[in-house]
């Protein structure tokens, strides 16, 4: 079964993937693009911040807690998924990290990532033009 047929996917989101592990980033990129998302990759926090300063993204996936904090200072609205192999050992969760979803790297990581991305993109606020149009129509 193709990932595209999943009913929980939201197509055409722009996602920034940040990971120093090239093979891990390539695997996540492949999964997210199979779902119809457009991805951009950054191998460091500084590269990620440059991408965020020059482009609009709908969601960020990273493994760095400090990057989550830096992004939150610049943009408190962008959904962020934190992936870590140390979720339990370090007690990482949404409250302690500022991420919208915290996922343990494991054999189930892909399914958790797919569900978290779909959930966060569904709850994302509509673009300003869409909300202005809706307000005009209500008048």
Protein backbone atom coordinates (compact mmCIF):
# COMPACT_ATOMS: atom_id res chain seq x y z
CA UNK A 1 0.00 0.00 0.00
CA UNK A 2 1.35 3.39 -0.97
CA UNK A 3 1.71 6.07 1.68
CA UNK A 4 -0.16 8.44 -0.64
CA UNK A 5 -3.39 6.56 -0.09
CA UNK A 6 -3.38 7.33 3.63
CA UNK A 7 -6.51 9.33 4.54
CA UNK A 8 -4.66 11.39 7.16
CA UNK A 9 -2.17 13.07 4.83
CA UNK A 10 -2.23 16.74 3.90
CA UNK A 11 -0.57 17.34 0.52
CA UNK A 12 1.73 20.06 -0.64
CA UNK A 13 3.03 21.31 2.69
CA UNK A 14 6.51 22.81 2.73
CA UNK A 15 8.57 20.98 5.35
CA UNK A 16 12.07 21.79 6.56
CA UNK A 17 14.03 18.71 7.64
CA UNK A 18 17.03 19.34 9.88
CA UNK A 19 19.40 16.49 10.64
CA UNK A 20 23.16 16.01 10.66
CA UNK A 21 22.64 12.33 9.82
CA UNK A 22 22.41 12.29 6.03
CA UNK A 23 20.88 8.81 5.74
CA UNK A 24 18.23 9.52 8.41
CA UNK A 25 17.32 12.78 6.70
CA UNK A 26 17.13 11.05 3.30
CA UNK A 27 14.77 8.40 4.68
CA UNK A 28 12.45 11.00 6.26
CA UNK A 29 12.57 13.11 3.10
CA UNK A 30 11.55 10.09 1.03
CA UNK A 31 8.60 9.29 3.31
CA UNK A 32 7.35 12.89 3.42
CA UNK A 33 7.70 13.38 -0.33
CA UNK A 34 5.82 10.12 -0.92
CA UNK A 35 2.98 11.78 1.00
CA UNK A 36 3.06 14.74 -1.41
CA UNK A 37 4.97 17.22 0.75
CA UNK A 38 7.74 19.44 -0.55
CA UNK A 39 10.83 19.14 1.59
CA UNK A 40 13.97 21.18 2.05
CA UNK A 41 16.93 19.77 3.96
CA UNK A 42 19.41 21.42 6.29
CA UNK A 43 22.33 19.62 7.91
CA UNK A 44 22.87 22.13 10.73
CA UNK A 45 21.00 24.60 12.92
CA UNK A 46 22.63 27.56 11.17
CA UNK A 47 21.56 26.24 7.75
CA UNK A 48 18.04 25.70 9.08
CA UNK A 49 17.80 29.24 10.44
CA UNK A 50 19.00 30.63 7.09
CA UNK A 51 16.30 28.64 5.27
CA UNK A 52 13.65 29.84 7.73
CA UNK A 53 14.76 33.46 7.28
CA UNK A 54 14.51 33.29 3.49
CA UNK A 55 11.54 30.95 2.90
CA UNK A 56 8.16 30.09 4.35
CA UNK A 57 7.67 26.59 5.74
CA UNK A 58 4.55 24.91 7.07
CA UNK A 59 6.42 22.62 9.47
CA UNK A 60 9.91 21.81 10.77
CA UNK A 61 11.26 18.36 11.69
CA UNK A 62 14.47 18.43 13.73
CA UNK A 63 16.48 16.47 16.26
CA UNK A 64 17.87 19.48 18.13
CA UNK A 65 16.15 20.85 21.22
CA UNK A 66 18.22 24.05 21.09
CA UNK A 67 17.08 24.64 17.49
CA UNK A 68 13.46 24.27 18.60
CA UNK A 69 14.04 27.03 21.16
CA UNK A 70 15.73 29.29 18.61
CA UNK A 71 12.92 28.79 16.10
CA UNK A 72 10.31 29.53 18.78
CA UNK A 73 11.99 32.90 19.46
CA UNK A 74 11.68 33.79 15.77
CA UNK A 75 8.33 32.19 14.97
CA UNK A 76 6.06 30.94 17.73
CA UNK A 77 3.46 29.65 15.27
CA UNK A 78 5.33 27.20 13.05
CA UNK A 79 4.65 23.57 14.01
CA UNK A 80 7.79 21.67 15.04
CA UNK A 81 8.36 17.93 15.37
CA UNK A 82 11.32 16.90 17.54
CA UNK A 83 12.86 13.48 16.85
CA UNK A 84 15.28 12.07 19.40
CA UNK A 85 16.76 8.77 20.42
CA UNK A 86 16.79 10.04 24.01
CA UNK A 87 13.17 11.02 24.62
CA UNK A 88 12.73 8.77 27.64
CA UNK A 89 16.27 9.06 29.01
CA UNK A 90 16.19 12.87 28.99
CA UNK A 91 12.50 13.24 29.80
CA UNK A 92 11.81 15.14 26.58
CA UNK A 93 8.22 16.12 25.91
CA UNK A 94 6.27 18.96 24.36
CA UNK A 95 6.30 21.06 27.55
CA UNK A 96 10.05 20.76 28.20
CA UNK A 97 11.18 21.29 24.61
CA UNK A 98 8.68 23.70 23.05
CA UNK A 99 8.07 21.28 20.17
CA UNK A 100 4.51 20.49 19.10
CA UNK A 101 5.29 16.77 18.89
CA UNK A 102 8.16 14.75 20.37
CA UNK A 103 8.90 11.39 18.78
CA UNK A 104 11.28 8.67 19.99
CA UNK A 105 13.54 7.35 17.23
CA UNK A 106 12.57 3.70 16.93
CA UNK A 107 11.19 1.07 14.60
CA UNK A 108 7.83 2.89 14.83
CA UNK A 109 9.28 6.32 14.07
CA UNK A 110 7.90 6.54 10.51
CA UNK A 111 4.29 5.88 11.49
CA UNK A 112 4.55 8.30 14.42
CA UNK A 113 6.10 10.95 12.17
CA UNK A 114 3.42 10.56 9.50
CA UNK A 115 0.62 10.88 12.07
CA UNK A 116 2.24 13.86 13.83
CA UNK A 117 2.84 15.73 10.56
CA UNK A 118 -0.75 15.14 9.41
CA UNK A 119 -2.16 16.24 12.79
CA UNK A 120 -0.04 19.39 12.99
CA UNK A 121 -0.79 20.42 9.42
CA UNK A 122 -4.54 19.96 9.97
CA UNK A 123 -4.54 22.18 13.03
CA UNK A 124 -2.42 24.88 11.39
CA UNK A 125 -4.19 28.21 10.99
CA UNK A 126 -5.41 29.02 7.49
CA UNK A 127 -3.39 31.50 5.44
CA UNK A 128 -4.20 35.17 5.97
CA UNK A 129 -5.84 35.49 2.53
CA UNK A 130 -8.21 32.59 3.28
CA UNK A 131 -9.24 34.00 6.65
CA UNK A 132 -9.80 37.48 5.16
CA UNK A 133 -11.91 35.96 2.39
CA UNK A 134 -13.98 34.05 4.94
CA UNK A 135 -14.54 37.25 6.96
CA UNK A 136 -15.65 39.15 3.83
CA UNK A 137 -18.08 36.40 2.91
CA UNK A 138 -19.55 36.47 6.42
CA UNK A 139 -20.31 40.22 6.14
